[in-house]
Amino acid sequence: MTETPLTPEASVIVPSRGGAQRLPRLIGALAAQEDAPPFEVHVVVDGDVDASEAVLAQLAAEHPGLDLSWTVFDENRGRVAALNAGADATSGRILIRADDDLEPGPHYIRDHVAAHAGGPGGVIGLTANVLPDSAYQRVYGDAQDEAHRRHAYALPAEQQWRHWAGNVSVPRALHMELGGYDPDYRRYGWEDVDFGYRLHVAGYPVEIWPELETRHHAAAVTTYTKARRALHSGSARQIFIAKHGADALGGDRAPGGPWGAAVRAVAALSTERTIQYSSAVVERAAAVLPAPVARKLIALQVEAAAETGRTRPGRARRQF
């Protein structure tokens, strides 16, 4: 690990599990920052399943000018524990969360810190997916990614908290005021949305900054991985609603119309096991069917999984 005599202005917190192949890109990009104030990088390895600690030691040797440190959990404790441990282990005035599959641009640190010059609040950078080609990506994923960003940028300021995710920053004082991320979120998702919402209801602005959009090198996405995440996210969404009420999300209604009926019918039969098998069938069909038909099949699978999580949260059982 390296040391610096300067008190860091910012602390980059990186929650990581199974990130040995991803971390070199992220750390290399952080080591190449331009015009950045003093900053530190702290990686929290959430159970070392792939020699990530050895990779971090090598990266520290390759980038001696980078203030890089890390914590390694003995077991998988989850993203909330990793994020809160990273905050506790660092000292920067601004806490920046950077997931381990990001590729920050050269002014990433500078722009995150500058975004807080106007006063306390939360800052969000969206991510632009850089994913391997697949049938899923061609007929569904790419269009969904673009629609997601387009919708997010069009949101009024008071709703932008919904996009608090893996490329965000907040003053340490506000993180402490909120008590960090909520440990009640033990499965996949919504611990980040919950944090953004709590910032919002505490009266602080939470804003998306377009200049902070960052490349996101996620693993290959398939219909199964997307549907499984939708199942777990739908389940975690119910934790959010139990804490804050459905009105915070504009309600908690079942999908309506003929399409909604189809979604509900598939959801009634969906479990993690059936989602795995049916997703494989959909994936094979998507490779040969006309794109509009394939898109509908994938959408049905993903939306039904989310509806299963919403109405039957106990069916989200496996850990990520």
C-alpha atoms as a PDB file:
ATOM      1  CA  MET A   1       0.000   0.000   0.000  1.00  0.00           C
ATOM      2  CA  THR A   2       1.179   3.523  -0.678  1.00  0.00           C
ATOM      3  CA  GLU A   3       1.059   6.596   1.530  1.00  0.00           C
ATOM      4  CA  THR A   4       0.715  10.291   0.854  1.00  0.00           C
ATOM      5  CA  PRO A   5       1.499  13.217   3.165  1.00  0.00           C
ATOM      6  CA  LEU A   6      -1.530  15.152   1.893  1.00  0.00           C
ATOM      7  CA  THR A   7      -4.924  14.963   3.540  1.00  0.00           C
ATOM      8  CA  PRO A   8      -7.222  13.648   0.811  1.00  0.00           C
ATOM      9  CA  GLU A   9     -10.023  15.873  -0.404  1.00  0.00           C
ATOM     10  CA  ALA A  10     -11.880  12.832  -1.719  1.00  0.00           C
ATOM     11  CA  SER A  11     -12.080   9.145  -0.887  1.00  0.00           C
ATOM     12  CA  VAL A  12     -13.028   6.690  -3.622  1.00  0.00           C
ATOM     13  CA  ILE A  13     -14.823   3.674  -2.141  1.00  0.00           C
ATOM     14  CA  VAL A  14     -14.810   0.550  -4.323  1.00  0.00           C
ATOM     15  CA  PRO A  15     -16.990  -2.383  -3.219  1.00  0.00           C
ATOM     16  CA  SER A  16     -15.715  -5.498  -4.975  1.00  0.00           C
ATOM     17  CA  ARG A  17     -16.442  -9.203  -5.094  1.00  0.00           C
ATOM     18  CA  GLY A  18     -14.792 -11.420  -7.669  1.00  0.00           C
ATOM     19  CA  GLY A  19     -13.194  -8.326  -9.169  1.00  0.00           C
ATOM     20  CA  ALA A  20      -9.650  -9.517  -9.884  1.00  0.00           C
ATOM     21  CA  GLN A  21     -10.144  -9.147 -13.645  1.00  0.00           C
ATOM     22  CA  ARG A  22     -11.993  -5.820 -13.370  1.00  0.00           C
ATOM     23  CA  LEU A  23      -9.898  -3.923 -10.849  1.00  0.00           C
ATOM     24  CA  PRO A  24      -6.836  -3.274 -13.072  1.00  0.00           C
ATOM     25  CA  ARG A  25      -8.898  -1.175 -15.502  1.00  0.00           C
ATOM     26  CA  LEU A  26     -10.483   0.877 -12.711  1.00  0.00           C
ATOM     27  CA  ILE A  27      -7.283   1.394 -10.733  1.00  0.00           C
ATOM     28  CA  GLY A  28      -5.346   2.282 -13.884  1.00  0.00           C
ATOM     29  CA  ALA A  29      -7.922   4.931 -14.760  1.00  0.00           C
ATOM     30  CA  LEU A  30      -7.834   6.379 -11.244  1.00  0.00           C
ATOM     31  CA  ALA A  31      -4.033   6.465 -11.323  1.00  0.00           C
ATOM     32  CA  ALA A  32      -4.227   8.494 -14.563  1.00  0.00           C
ATOM     33  CA  GLN A  33      -6.454  11.288 -13.209  1.00  0.00           C
ATOM     34  CA  GLU A  34      -5.726  14.834 -14.347  1.00  0.00           C
ATOM     35  CA  ASP A  35      -6.202  18.094 -12.414  1.00  0.00           C
ATOM     36  CA  ALA A  36      -7.499  16.150  -9.437  1.00  0.00           C
ATOM     37  CA  PRO A  37      -7.304  17.312  -5.825  1.00  0.00           C
ATOM     38  CA  PRO A  38      -5.591  14.927  -3.405  1.00  0.00           C
ATOM     39  CA  PHE A  39      -7.590  11.701  -3.177  1.00  0.00           C
ATOM     40  CA  GLU A  40      -7.354   8.176  -1.845  1.00  0.00           C
ATOM     41  CA  VAL A  41      -8.774   4.904  -3.154  1.00  0.00           C
ATOM     42  CA  HIS A  42     -10.028   2.197  -0.808  1.00  0.00           C
ATOM     43  CA  VAL A  43     -11.202  -1.156  -2.140  1.00  0.00           C
ATOM     44  CA  VAL A  44     -13.344  -3.388   0.067  1.00  0.00           C
ATOM     45  CA  VAL A  45     -13.078  -7.004  -1.064  1.00  0.00           C
ATOM     46  CA  ASP A  46     -16.312  -8.681  -0.008  1.00  0.00           C
ATOM     47  CA  GLY A  47     -14.844 -12.141   0.465  1.00  0.00           C
ATOM     48  CA  ASP A  48     -11.748 -12.907  -1.613  1.00  0.00           C
ATOM     49  CA  VAL A  49     -12.859 -15.581  -4.076  1.00  0.00           C
ATOM     50  CA  ASP A  50     -10.328 -14.888  -6.849  1.00  0.00           C
ATOM     51  CA  ALA A  51      -7.091 -13.576  -5.286  1.00  0.00           C
ATOM     52  CA  SER A  52      -8.249  -9.961  -5.533  1.00  0.00           C
ATOM     53  CA  GLU A  53      -5.967  -8.993  -2.653  1.00  0.00           C
ATOM     54  CA  ALA A  54      -2.913 -10.212  -4.560  1.00  0.00           C
ATOM     55  CA  VAL A  55      -4.069  -8.218  -7.588  1.00  0.00           C
ATOM     56  CA  LEU A  56      -4.408  -5.102  -5.426  1.00  0.00           C
ATOM     57  CA  ALA A  57      -0.898  -5.573  -4.059  1.00  0.00           C
ATOM     58  CA  GLN A  58       0.428  -5.778  -7.612  1.00  0.00           C
ATOM     59  CA  LEU A  59      -1.551  -2.687  -8.648  1.00  0.00           C
ATOM     60  CA  ALA A  60      -0.167  -0.742  -5.697  1.00  0.00           C
ATOM     61  CA  ALA A  61       3.342  -1.624  -6.863  1.00  0.00           C
ATOM     62  CA  GLU A  62       2.517  -0.607 -10.448  1.00  0.00           C
ATOM     63  CA  HIS A  63       1.033   2.744  -9.386  1.00  0.00           C
ATOM     64  CA  PRO A  64       3.202   3.981  -6.496  1.00  0.00           C
ATOM     65  CA  GLY A  65       1.828   7.515  -6.820  1.00  0.00           C
ATOM     66  CA  LEU A  66      -1.736   6.385  -6.104  1.00  0.00           C
ATOM     67  CA  ASP A  67      -2.919   6.357  -2.487  1.00  0.00           C
ATOM     68  CA  LEU A  68      -4.400   2.864  -2.647  1.00  0.00           C
ATOM     69  CA  SER A  69      -5.500   0.767   0.321  1.00  0.00           C
ATOM     70  CA  TRP A  70      -7.917  -2.078   0.885  1.00  0.00           C
ATOM     71  CA  THR A  71      -9.928  -4.123   3.345  1.00  0.00           C
ATOM     72  CA  VAL A  72     -10.660  -7.822   2.833  1.00  0.00           C
ATOM     73  CA  PHE A  73     -13.698  -9.433   4.463  1.00  0.00           C
ATOM     74  CA  ASP A  74     -13.323 -13.050   5.557  1.00  0.00           C
ATOM     75  CA  GLU A  75     -16.696 -13.851   3.979  1.00  0.00           C
ATOM     76  CA  ASN A  76     -19.361 -12.365   1.745  1.00  0.00           C
ATOM     77  CA  ARG A  77     -21.043  -9.704   3.915  1.00  0.00           C
ATOM     78  CA  GLY A  78     -22.810  -7.828   1.127  1.00  0.00           C
ATOM     79  CA  ARG A  79     -22.525  -4.490  -0.593  1.00  0.00           C
ATOM     80  CA  VAL A  80     -23.937  -2.417   2.279  1.00  0.00           C
ATOM     81  CA  ALA A  81     -21.285  -3.692   4.667  1.00  0.00           C
ATOM     82  CA  ALA A  82     -18.587  -3.047   2.060  1.00  0.00           C
ATOM     83  CA  LEU A  83     -19.706   0.522   1.397  1.00  0.00           C
ATOM     84  CA  ASN A  84     -19.962   1.409   5.070  1.00  0.00           C
ATOM     85  CA  ALA A  85     -16.610  -0.205   5.876  1.00  0.00           C
ATOM     86  CA  GLY A  86     -14.992   1.788   3.088  1.00  0.00           C
ATOM     87  CA  ALA A  87     -16.347   5.031   4.483  1.00  0.00           C
ATOM     88  CA  ASP A  88     -15.094   4.132   7.963  1.00  0.00           C
ATOM     89  CA  ALA A  89     -11.609   3.313   6.655  1.00  0.00           C
ATOM     90  CA  THR A  90     -11.077   6.626   4.838  1.00  0.00           C
ATOM     91  CA  SER A  91     -10.874  10.323   5.645  1.00  0.00           C
ATOM     92  CA  GLY A  92     -11.697  12.386   2.537  1.00  0.00           C
ATOM     93  CA  ARG A  93     -14.256  15.188   2.723  1.00  0.00           C
ATOM     94  CA  ILE A  94     -16.092  13.847  -0.337  1.00  0.00           C
ATOM     95  CA  LEU A  95     -16.982  10.156  -0.580  1.00  0.00           C
ATOM     96  CA  ILE A  96     -17.096   8.842  -4.148  1.00  0.00           C
ATOM     97  CA  ARG A  97     -18.524   5.408  -4.808  1.00  0.00           C
ATOM     98  CA  ALA A  98     -17.042   3.731  -7.874  1.00  0.00           C
ATOM     99  CA  ASP A  99     -18.064   0.167  -8.636  1.00  0.00           C
ATOM    100  CA  ASP A 100     -15.204  -2.081  -9.707  1.00  0.00           C
ATOM    101  CA  ASP A 101     -16.387  -2.402 -13.314  1.00  0.00           C
ATOM    102  CA  LEU A 102     -16.209   1.314 -14.138  1.00  0.00           C
ATOM    103  CA  GLU A 103     -13.662   3.024 -16.382  1.00  0.00           C
ATOM    104  CA  PRO A 104     -13.507   6.638 -15.170  1.00  0.00           C
ATOM    105  CA  GLY A 105     -12.426   9.387 -17.513  1.00  0.00           C
ATOM    106  CA  PRO A 106      -9.357  11.545 -16.770  1.00  0.00           C
ATOM    107  CA  HIS A 107     -11.356  14.225 -14.913  1.00  0.00           C
ATOM    108  CA  TYR A 108     -13.542  11.890 -12.888  1.00  0.00           C
ATOM    109  CA  ILE A 109     -12.230  12.954  -9.471  1.00  0.00           C
ATOM    110  CA  ARG A 110     -11.991  16.621 -10.390  1.00  0.00           C
ATOM    111  CA  ASP A 111     -15.570  16.741 -11.636  1.00  0.00           C
ATOM    112  CA  HIS A 112     -17.056  14.797  -8.737  1.00  0.00           C
ATOM    113  CA  VAL A 113     -15.422  17.120  -6.216  1.00  0.00           C
ATOM    114  CA  ALA A 114     -16.310  20.254  -8.200  1.00  0.00           C
ATOM    115  CA  ALA A 115     -19.962  19.195  -8.287  1.00  0.00           C
ATOM    116  CA  HIS A 116     -20.126  19.788  -4.527  1.00  0.00           C
ATOM    117  CA  ALA A 117     -18.911  23.391  -4.658  1.00  0.00           C
ATOM    118  CA  GLY A 118     -22.463  24.742  -4.471  1.00  0.00           C
ATOM    119  CA  GLY A 119     -23.278  23.197  -1.114  1.00  0.00           C
ATOM    120  CA  PRO A 120     -24.103  19.847   0.484  1.00  0.00           C
ATOM    121  CA  GLY A 121     -25.996  17.304  -1.579  1.00  0.00           C
ATOM    122  CA  GLY A 122     -25.713  14.123  -3.582  1.00  0.00           C
ATOM    123  CA  VAL A 123     -24.196  13.850  -7.053  1.00  0.00           C
ATOM    124  CA  ILE A 124     -24.951  11.107  -9.571  1.00  0.00           C
ATOM    125  CA  GLY A 125     -23.102  10.081 -12.703  1.00  0.00           C
ATOM    126  CA  LEU A 126     -24.910   7.658 -14.987  1.00  0.00           C
ATOM    127  CA  THR A 127     -23.097   4.749 -16.597  1.00  0.00           C
ATOM    128  CA  ALA A 128     -22.855   3.800 -20.263  1.00  0.00           C
ATOM    129  CA  ASN A 129     -22.673   0.045 -20.675  1.00  0.00           C
ATOM    130  CA  VAL A 130     -19.820  -1.468 -22.681  1.00  0.00           C
ATOM    131  CA  LEU A 131     -20.891  -5.084 -23.023  1.00  0.00           C
ATOM    132  CA  PRO A 132     -19.970  -8.104 -25.142  1.00  0.00           C
ATOM    133  CA  ASP A 133     -22.186  -8.729 -28.127  1.00  0.00           C
ATOM    134  CA  SER A 134     -24.987 -11.226 -27.577  1.00  0.00           C
ATOM    135  CA  ALA A 135     -28.479 -11.958 -28.826  1.00  0.00           C
ATOM    136  CA  TYR A 136     -29.817 -10.362 -25.655  1.00  0.00           C
ATOM    137  CA  GLN A 137     -27.846  -7.160 -26.187  1.00  0.00           C
ATOM    138  CA  ARG A 138     -28.757  -6.850 -29.846  1.00  0.00           C
ATOM    139  CA  VAL A 139     -32.502  -7.263 -29.518  1.00  0.00           C
ATOM    140  CA  TYR A 140     -33.130  -5.881 -26.023  1.00  0.00           C
ATOM    141  CA  GLY A 141     -30.178  -4.755 -23.920  1.00  0.00           C
ATOM    142  CA  ASP A 142     -28.729  -1.941 -26.035  1.00  0.00           C
ATOM    143  CA  ALA A 143     -32.109  -0.280 -26.558  1.00  0.00           C
ATOM    144  CA  GLN A 144     -32.950  -0.596 -22.864  1.00  0.00           C
ATOM    145  CA  ASP A 145     -29.638   0.961 -21.838  1.00  0.00           C
ATOM    146  CA  GLU A 146     -30.205   3.947 -24.095  1.00  0.00           C
ATOM    147  CA  ALA A 147     -33.806   4.354 -22.940  1.00  0.00           C
ATOM    148  CA  HIS A 148     -32.703   4.194 -19.308  1.00  0.00           C
ATOM    149  CA  ARG A 149     -30.227   7.041 -19.699  1.00  0.00           C
ATOM    150  CA  ARG A 150     -32.620   9.109 -21.808  1.00  0.00           C
ATOM    151  CA  HIS A 151     -35.342   8.760 -19.168  1.00  0.00           C
ATOM    152  CA  ALA A 152     -32.957   9.578 -16.326  1.00  0.00           C
ATOM    153  CA  TYR A 153     -31.684  12.780 -17.925  1.00  0.00           C
ATOM    154  CA  ALA A 154     -35.275  13.894 -18.566  1.00  0.00           C
ATOM    155  CA  LEU A 155     -36.390  13.505 -14.944  1.00  0.00           C
ATOM    156  CA  PRO A 156     -37.198  16.615 -12.920  1.00  0.00           C
ATOM    157  CA  ALA A 157     -34.603  17.409 -10.272  1.00  0.00           C
ATOM    158  CA  GLU A 158     -36.778  16.203  -7.398  1.00  0.00           C
ATOM    159  CA  GLN A 159     -36.915  12.669  -8.843  1.00  0.00           C
ATOM    160  CA  GLN A 160     -33.286  12.163  -9.802  1.00  0.00           C
ATOM    161  CA  TRP A 161     -32.488  10.482  -6.469  1.00  0.00           C
ATOM    162  CA  ARG A 162     -33.966   7.295  -7.978  1.00  0.00           C
ATOM    163  CA  HIS A 163     -30.752   6.808  -9.958  1.00  0.00           C
ATOM    164  CA  TRP A 164     -28.380   6.714  -6.982  1.00  0.00           C
ATOM    165  CA  ALA A 165     -26.207   3.725  -7.864  1.00  0.00           C
ATOM    166  CA  GLY A 166     -22.566   2.812  -8.502  1.00  0.00           C
ATOM    167  CA  ASN A 167     -21.151   6.178  -9.652  1.00  0.00           C
ATOM    168  CA  VAL A 168     -22.113   8.721  -7.004  1.00  0.00           C
ATOM    169  CA  SER A 169     -20.630  11.096  -4.457  1.00  0.00           C
ATOM    170  CA  VAL A 170     -21.686  12.742  -1.217  1.00  0.00           C
ATOM    171  CA  PRO A 171     -19.957  14.786   1.489  1.00  0.00           C
ATOM    172  CA  ARG A 172     -18.751  12.578   4.316  1.00  0.00           C
ATOM    173  CA  ALA A 173     -20.761  14.700   6.751  1.00  0.00           C
ATOM    174  CA  LEU A 174     -24.010  13.774   4.982  1.00  0.00           C
ATOM    175  CA  HIS A 175     -23.068  10.101   4.834  1.00  0.00           C
ATOM    176  CA  MET A 176     -22.575  10.202   8.591  1.00  0.00           C
ATOM    177  CA  GLU A 177     -25.775  12.191   9.146  1.00  0.00           C
ATOM    178  CA  LEU A 178     -27.762   9.488   7.348  1.00  0.00           C
ATOM    179  CA  GLY A 179     -25.953   6.688   9.169  1.00  0.00           C
ATOM    180  CA  GLY A 180     -24.506   5.243   5.978  1.00  0.00           C
ATOM    181  CA  TYR A 181     -26.177   2.595   3.852  1.00  0.00           C
ATOM    182  CA  ASP A 182     -29.001   0.636   5.487  1.00  0.00           C
ATOM    183  CA  PRO A 183     -28.011  -2.936   6.474  1.00  0.00           C
ATOM    184  CA  ASP A 184     -31.607  -4.133   6.124  1.00  0.00           C
ATOM    185  CA  TYR A 185     -30.900  -4.460   2.377  1.00  0.00           C
ATOM    186  CA  ARG A 186     -29.173  -7.827   2.419  1.00  0.00           C
ATOM    187  CA  ARG A 187     -29.903  -9.011  -1.109  1.00  0.00           C
ATOM    188  CA  TYR A 188     -29.454  -7.495  -4.555  1.00  0.00           C
ATOM    189  CA  GLY A 189     -30.299  -3.847  -5.022  1.00  0.00           C
ATOM    190  CA  TRP A 190     -32.181  -0.914  -3.521  1.00  0.00           C
ATOM    191  CA  GLU A 191     -29.666  -0.072  -0.803  1.00  0.00           C
ATOM    192  CA  ASP A 192     -28.475   2.626  -3.180  1.00  0.00           C
ATOM    193  CA  VAL A 193     -31.934   3.945  -4.095  1.00  0.00           C
ATOM    194  CA  ASP A 194     -32.771   3.989  -0.385  1.00  0.00           C
ATOM    195  CA  PHE A 195     -29.710   6.146   0.326  1.00  0.00           C
ATOM    196  CA  GLY A 196     -30.605   8.571  -2.464  1.00  0.00           C
ATOM    197  CA  TYR A 197     -34.165   8.828  -1.191  1.00  0.00           C
ATOM    198  CA  ARG A 198     -33.050   9.512   2.376  1.00  0.00           C
ATOM    199  CA  LEU A 199     -30.812  12.298   1.101  1.00  0.00           C
ATOM    200  CA  HIS A 200     -33.793  13.720  -0.775  1.00  0.00           C
ATOM    201  CA  VAL A 201     -36.237  13.623   2.142  1.00  0.00           C
ATOM    202  CA  ALA A 202     -33.596  15.156   4.412  1.00  0.00           C
ATOM    203  CA  GLY A 203     -33.825  18.218   2.181  1.00  0.00           C
ATOM    204  CA  TYR A 204     -30.591  17.878   0.221  1.00  0.00           C
ATOM    205  CA  PRO A 205     -30.472  18.152  -3.576  1.00  0.00           C
ATOM    206  CA  VAL A 206     -29.630  14.937  -5.416  1.00  0.00           C
ATOM    207  CA  GLU A 207     -28.683  15.690  -9.002  1.00  0.00           C
ATOM    208  CA  ILE A 208     -27.487  13.875 -12.111  1.00  0.00           C
ATOM    209  CA  TRP A 209     -24.417  15.496 -13.677  1.00  0.00           C
ATOM    210  CA  PRO A 210     -24.056  14.566 -17.379  1.00  0.00           C
ATOM    211  CA  GLU A 211     -20.304  15.209 -17.383  1.00  0.00           C
ATOM    212  CA  LEU A 212     -19.896  12.369 -14.872  1.00  0.00           C
ATOM    213  CA  GLU A 213     -21.309   9.695 -17.183  1.00  0.00           C
ATOM    214  CA  THR A 214     -18.800   6.845 -17.049  1.00  0.00           C
ATOM    215  CA  ARG A 215     -18.089   3.722 -19.095  1.00  0.00           C
ATOM    216  CA  HIS A 216     -19.356   0.559 -17.422  1.00  0.00           C
ATOM    217  CA  HIS A 217     -17.695  -2.739 -18.343  1.00  0.00           C
ATOM    218  CA  ALA A 218     -20.226  -5.172 -16.922  1.00  0.00           C
ATOM    219  CA  ALA A 219     -20.009  -8.891 -17.489  1.00  0.00           C
ATOM    220  CA  ALA A 220     -21.957 -10.295 -20.397  1.00  0.00           C
ATOM    221  CA  VAL A 221     -25.678  -9.949 -19.745  1.00  0.00           C
ATOM    222  CA  THR A 222     -28.088 -12.703 -20.687  1.00  0.00           C
ATOM    223  CA  THR A 223     -31.826 -13.018 -20.363  1.00  0.00           C
ATOM    224  CA  TYR A 224     -31.250 -15.153 -17.272  1.00  0.00           C
ATOM    225  CA  THR A 225     -28.910 -12.759 -15.475  1.00  0.00           C
ATOM    226  CA  LYS A 226     -31.194  -9.833 -16.234  1.00  0.00           C
ATOM    227  CA  ALA A 227     -34.303 -11.717 -15.091  1.00  0.00           C
ATOM    228  CA  ARG A 228     -32.629 -13.005 -11.948  1.00  0.00           C
ATOM    229  CA  ARG A 229     -31.557  -9.502 -10.997  1.00  0.00           C
ATOM    230  CA  ALA A 230     -35.077  -8.273 -11.702  1.00  0.00           C
ATOM    231  CA  LEU A 231     -36.426 -10.922  -9.324  1.00  0.00           C
ATOM    232  CA  HIS A 232     -34.071  -9.921  -6.514  1.00  0.00           C
ATOM    233  CA  SER A 233     -34.511  -6.216  -7.182  1.00  0.00           C
ATOM    234  CA  GLY A 234     -38.286  -6.616  -7.090  1.00  0.00           C
ATOM    235  CA  SER A 235     -37.939  -8.350  -3.736  1.00  0.00           C
ATOM    236  CA  ALA A 236     -35.646  -5.659  -2.302  1.00  0.00           C
ATOM    237  CA  ARG A 237     -38.058  -3.017  -3.584  1.00  0.00           C
ATOM    238  CA  GLN A 238     -40.578  -4.278  -1.034  1.00  0.00           C
ATOM    239  CA  ILE A 239     -38.107  -3.491   1.756  1.00  0.00           C
ATOM    240  CA  PHE A 240     -37.957   0.079   0.469  1.00  0.00           C
ATOM    241  CA  ILE A 241     -41.761   0.303   0.379  1.00  0.00           C
ATOM    242  CA  ALA A 242     -42.054  -1.088   3.909  1.00  0.00           C
ATOM    243  CA  LYS A 243     -39.697   1.635   5.113  1.00  0.00           C
ATOM    244  CA  HIS A 244     -40.821   4.626   3.077  1.00  0.00           C
ATOM    245  CA  GLY A 245     -44.230   3.809   1.604  1.00  0.00           C
ATOM    246  CA  ALA A 246     -45.269   3.121  -1.972  1.00  0.00           C
ATOM    247  CA  ASP A 247     -46.055   6.777  -2.647  1.00  0.00           C
ATOM    248  CA  ALA A 248     -42.317   7.500  -2.721  1.00  0.00           C
ATOM    249  CA  LEU A 249     -42.208   5.453  -5.930  1.00  0.00           C
ATOM    250  CA  GLY A 250     -45.482   6.655  -7.358  1.00  0.00           C
ATOM    251  CA  GLY A 251     -47.368   3.591  -6.141  1.00  0.00           C
ATOM    252  CA  ASP A 252     -46.983  -0.172  -6.142  1.00  0.00           C
ATOM    253  CA  ARG A 253     -49.479  -1.362  -8.702  1.00  0.00           C
ATOM    254  CA  ALA A 254     -49.611  -4.560 -10.706  1.00  0.00           C
ATOM    255  CA  PRO A 255     -49.130  -4.096 -14.464  1.00  0.00           C
ATOM    256  CA  GLY A 256     -52.440  -3.646 -16.282  1.00  0.00           C
ATOM    257  CA  GLY A 257     -53.956  -4.404 -19.683  1.00  0.00           C
ATOM    258  CA  PRO A 258     -53.402  -7.525 -21.801  1.00  0.00           C
ATOM    259  CA  TRP A 259     -49.625  -7.226 -21.478  1.00  0.00           C
ATOM    260  CA  GLY A 260     -49.927  -6.889 -17.711  1.00  0.00           C
ATOM    261  CA  ALA A 261     -52.108  -9.993 -17.603  1.00  0.00           C
ATOM    262  CA  ALA A 262     -49.408 -11.946 -19.439  1.00  0.00           C
ATOM    263  CA  VAL A 263     -46.739 -10.626 -17.065  1.00  0.00           C
ATOM    264  CA  ARG A 264     -48.794 -11.584 -14.012  1.00  0.00           C
ATOM    265  CA  ALA A 265     -49.512 -15.055 -15.397  1.00  0.00           C
ATOM    266  CA  VAL A 266     -45.831 -15.809 -15.983  1.00  0.00           C
ATOM    267  CA  ALA A 267     -44.917 -14.258 -12.627  1.00  0.00           C
ATOM    268  CA  ALA A 268     -47.300 -16.562 -10.785  1.00  0.00           C
ATOM    269  CA  LEU A 269     -45.292 -19.564 -11.994  1.00  0.00           C
ATOM    270  CA  SER A 270     -41.804 -18.074 -11.747  1.00  0.00           C
ATOM    271  CA  THR A 271     -39.130 -19.211  -9.308  1.00  0.00           C
ATOM    272  CA  GLU A 272     -35.363 -18.954  -9.538  1.00  0.00           C
ATOM    273  CA  ARG A 273     -35.275 -22.446 -11.024  1.00  0.00           C
ATOM    274  CA  THR A 274     -37.996 -21.877 -13.634  1.00  0.00           C
ATOM    275  CA  ILE A 275     -36.485 -18.511 -14.559  1.00  0.00           C
ATOM    276  CA  GLN A 276     -33.167 -20.218 -15.278  1.00  0.00           C
ATOM    277  CA  TYR A 277     -34.708 -22.815 -17.574  1.00  0.00           C
ATOM    278  CA  SER A 278     -37.180 -20.558 -19.358  1.00  0.00           C
ATOM    279  CA  SER A 279     -34.524 -17.881 -19.890  1.00  0.00           C
ATOM    280  CA  ALA A 280     -32.362 -20.411 -21.710  1.00  0.00           C
ATOM    281  CA  VAL A 281     -35.277 -21.195 -24.024  1.00  0.00           C
ATOM    282  CA  VAL A 282     -35.942 -17.495 -24.628  1.00  0.00           C
ATOM    283  CA  GLU A 283     -32.246 -16.886 -25.315  1.00  0.00           C
ATOM    284  CA  ARG A 284     -32.119 -19.593 -27.976  1.00  0.00           C
ATOM    285  CA  ALA A 285     -35.320 -18.341 -29.559  1.00  0.00           C
ATOM    286  CA  ALA A 286     -34.079 -14.742 -29.582  1.00  0.00           C
ATOM    287  CA  ALA A 287     -31.159 -15.742 -31.776  1.00  0.00           C
ATOM    288  CA  VAL A 288     -33.457 -16.832 -34.615  1.00  0.00           C
ATOM    289  CA  LEU A 289     -36.753 -14.963 -34.205  1.00  0.00           C
ATOM    290  CA  PRO A 290     -37.469 -11.551 -35.750  1.00  0.00           C
ATOM    291  CA  ALA A 291     -36.116  -8.847 -33.455  1.00  0.00           C
ATOM    292  CA  PRO A 292     -39.528  -7.393 -32.445  1.00  0.00           C
ATOM    293  CA  VAL A 293     -40.782 -10.835 -31.389  1.00  0.00           C
ATOM    294  CA  ALA A 294     -37.568 -11.666 -29.554  1.00  0.00           C
ATOM    295  CA  ARG A 295     -37.701  -8.308 -27.782  1.00  0.00           C
ATOM    296  CA  LYS A 296     -41.196  -9.034 -26.499  1.00  0.00           C
ATOM    297  CA  LEU A 297     -40.207 -12.484 -25.249  1.00  0.00           C
ATOM    298  CA  ILE A 298     -37.244 -11.115 -23.320  1.00  0.00           C
ATOM    299  CA  ALA A 299     -39.318  -8.243 -21.931  1.00  0.00           C
ATOM    300  CA  LEU A 300     -41.961 -10.714 -20.748  1.00  0.00           C
ATOM    301  CA  GLN A 301     -39.347 -12.805 -18.971  1.00  0.00           C
ATOM    302  CA  VAL A 302     -37.686  -9.825 -17.265  1.00  0.00           C
ATOM    303  CA  GLU A 303     -40.879  -8.012 -16.299  1.00  0.00           C
ATOM    304  CA  ALA A 304     -42.463 -11.208 -14.993  1.00  0.00           C
ATOM    305  CA  ALA A 305     -39.404 -11.842 -12.823  1.00  0.00           C
ATOM    306  CA  ALA A 306     -39.672  -8.331 -11.393  1.00  0.00           C
ATOM    307  CA  GLU A 307     -43.385  -8.885 -10.715  1.00  0.00           C
ATOM    308  CA  THR A 308     -42.553 -12.147  -8.951  1.00  0.00           C
ATOM    309  CA  GLY A 309     -40.138 -10.284  -6.701  1.00  0.00           C
ATOM    310  CA  ARG A 310     -42.761  -7.613  -6.023  1.00  0.00           C
ATOM    311  CA  THR A 311     -45.585  -9.982  -5.146  1.00  0.00           C
ATOM    312  CA  ARG A 312     -43.656 -13.015  -3.880  1.00  0.00           C
ATOM    313  CA  PRO A 313     -40.384 -11.621  -2.465  1.00  0.00           C
ATOM    314  CA  GLY A 314     -39.550 -14.881  -0.706  1.00  0.00           C
ATOM    315  CA  ARG A 315     -38.838 -16.513  -4.065  1.00  0.00           C
ATOM    316  CA  ALA A 316     -35.587 -14.526  -4.325  1.00  0.00           C
ATOM    317  CA  ARG A 317     -33.469 -16.964  -2.377  1.00  0.00           C
ATOM    318  CA  ARG A 318     -29.916 -17.303  -3.689  1.00  0.00           C
ATOM    319  CA  GLN A 319     -27.129 -14.901  -2.807  1.00  0.00           C
ATOM    320  CA  PHE A 320     -25.308 -12.908  -5.469  1.00  0.00           C
END
